[in-house]
Protein backbone atom coordinates (compact mmCIF):
# COMPACT_ATOMS: atom_id res chain seq x y z
CA UNK A 1 238.52 50.16 -41.07
CA UNK A 2 234.76 48.99 -40.76
CA UNK A 3 232.97 45.92 -41.81
CA UNK A 4 235.73 43.20 -42.08
CA UNK A 5 238.53 45.52 -42.95
CA UNK A 6 239.33 48.32 -45.22
CA UNK A 7 235.79 48.67 -46.83
CA UNK A 8 234.53 51.80 -44.70
CA UNK A 9 231.11 52.48 -43.24
CA UNK A 10 229.23 51.27 -46.65
CA UNK A 11 230.84 47.89 -46.01
CA UNK A 12 230.18 47.86 -42.06
CA UNK A 13 226.42 48.57 -43.05
CA UNK A 14 225.87 45.72 -45.47
CA UNK A 15 227.87 43.55 -42.94
CA UNK A 16 225.15 44.40 -40.18
CA UNK A 17 222.38 44.45 -42.43
CA UNK A 18 223.43 40.87 -43.62
CA UNK A 19 223.68 39.68 -40.10
CA UNK A 20 220.48 40.69 -38.90
CA UNK A 21 218.68 39.24 -41.57
CA UNK A 22 220.11 35.48 -40.62
CA UNK A 23 219.60 33.66 -37.76
CA UNK A 24 222.99 33.26 -36.25
CA UNK A 25 221.94 31.54 -32.83
CA UNK A 26 220.24 28.18 -32.66
CA UNK A 27 218.26 29.47 -29.64
CA UNK A 28 215.06 29.73 -31.71
CA UNK A 29 213.99 32.50 -28.79
CA UNK A 30 217.15 34.62 -29.22
CA UNK A 31 216.15 37.81 -30.32
CA UNK A 32 218.38 39.36 -33.26
CA UNK A 33 220.89 41.58 -33.09
CA UNK A 34 224.29 42.46 -34.19
CA UNK A 35 227.70 43.95 -32.37
CA UNK A 36 229.92 46.24 -33.94
CA UNK A 37 233.17 46.89 -32.75
CA UNK A 38 236.49 48.97 -34.03
CA UNK A 39 239.14 47.18 -35.41
CA UNK A 40 242.30 47.97 -33.75
CA UNK A 41 245.89 47.82 -34.57
CA UNK A 42 248.47 45.88 -32.53
CA UNK A 43 247.96 43.96 -29.25
CA UNK A 44 244.89 43.49 -27.74
CA UNK A 45 244.63 43.68 -23.38
CA UNK A 46 241.50 42.03 -21.66
CA UNK A 47 241.10 42.32 -17.79
CA UNK A 48 238.36 39.94 -16.63
CA UNK A 49 236.63 41.31 -13.59
CA UNK A 50 234.03 40.17 -11.05
CA UNK A 51 232.18 42.62 -8.61
CA UNK A 52 229.98 41.94 -5.49
CA UNK A 53 228.49 44.62 -3.35
CA UNK A 54 230.49 47.96 -5.05
CA UNK A 55 233.70 46.10 -4.86
CA UNK A 56 235.86 44.88 -8.04
CA UNK A 57 238.46 42.45 -8.45
CA UNK A 58 240.67 41.51 -11.36
CA UNK A 59 240.43 37.69 -11.82
CA UNK A 60 242.65 37.57 -14.99
CA UNK A 61 244.61 39.40 -17.60
CA UNK A 62 244.72 38.52 -20.96
CA UNK A 63 246.98 39.77 -23.84
CA UNK A 64 245.90 38.89 -27.62
CA UNK A 65 248.02 39.58 -30.86
CA UNK A 66 245.98 39.72 -33.55
CA UNK A 67 246.58 40.94 -37.36
CA UNK A 68 245.92 40.18 -41.14
CA UNK A 69 247.07 36.65 -42.58
CA UNK A 70 245.90 34.87 -45.70
CA UNK A 71 243.28 37.83 -46.75
CA UNK A 72 241.37 37.77 -43.42
CA UNK A 73 241.35 41.03 -42.01
CA UNK A 74 242.00 39.95 -38.54
CA UNK A 75 243.27 36.77 -37.39
CA UNK A 76 244.13 35.70 -33.66
CA UNK A 77 247.65 34.79 -33.85
CA UNK A 78 247.68 34.16 -29.93
CA UNK A 79 246.20 34.64 -26.42
CA UNK A 80 248.04 34.78 -23.34
CA UNK A 81 247.18 34.55 -19.88
CA UNK A 82 249.25 36.79 -18.32
CA UNK A 83 250.29 37.93 -14.77
CA UNK A 84 248.80 40.69 -12.83
CA UNK A 85 252.12 41.80 -11.45
CA UNK A 86 254.21 44.36 -13.17
CA UNK A 87 254.01 48.08 -13.62
CA UNK A 88 252.25 48.51 -17.03
CA UNK A 89 249.72 45.32 -15.85
CA UNK A 90 249.08 46.77 -12.65
CA UNK A 91 248.47 50.08 -14.32
CA UNK A 92 246.22 48.62 -16.83
CA UNK A 93 244.32 46.92 -14.00
CA UNK A 94 243.86 49.80 -12.28
CA UNK A 95 242.35 51.59 -15.19
CA UNK A 96 240.11 48.75 -15.57
CA UNK A 97 238.76 48.54 -12.45
CA UNK A 98 238.19 52.29 -12.34
CA UNK A 99 236.10 52.07 -15.48
CA UNK A 100 234.39 49.59 -14.20
CA UNK A 101 232.97 51.83 -10.89
CA UNK A 102 232.49 54.60 -13.28
CA UNK A 103 230.37 52.84 -15.91
CA UNK A 104 228.07 51.27 -12.95
CA UNK A 105 227.47 54.60 -11.34
CA UNK A 106 226.41 55.79 -14.38
CA UNK A 107 224.20 52.83 -14.76
CA UNK A 108 222.65 53.37 -11.43
CA UNK A 109 224.23 49.55 -10.31
């Protein structure tokens, strides 16, 4: 699903063009741009990390619940700070930290 839900690529393209045509920041020196992100169904997990000298640490783990409501394609129903303990949570954090390391290596950082 692209561009606000259900419209596919034509609607996504229209939404990006609309965003690029409008100033969306009060910062008069900000460059224009748009970020496109695929809409995923179900819960979303976010691992906040910090890195220094090649060492990565998890500082927070969040779980977001999103879905359709009142005609809107995605609505944030809840965001919940989660403990990093637990088998599933620890596996998710390990994955995120490993991905961060790989991304930094590819970027030469």
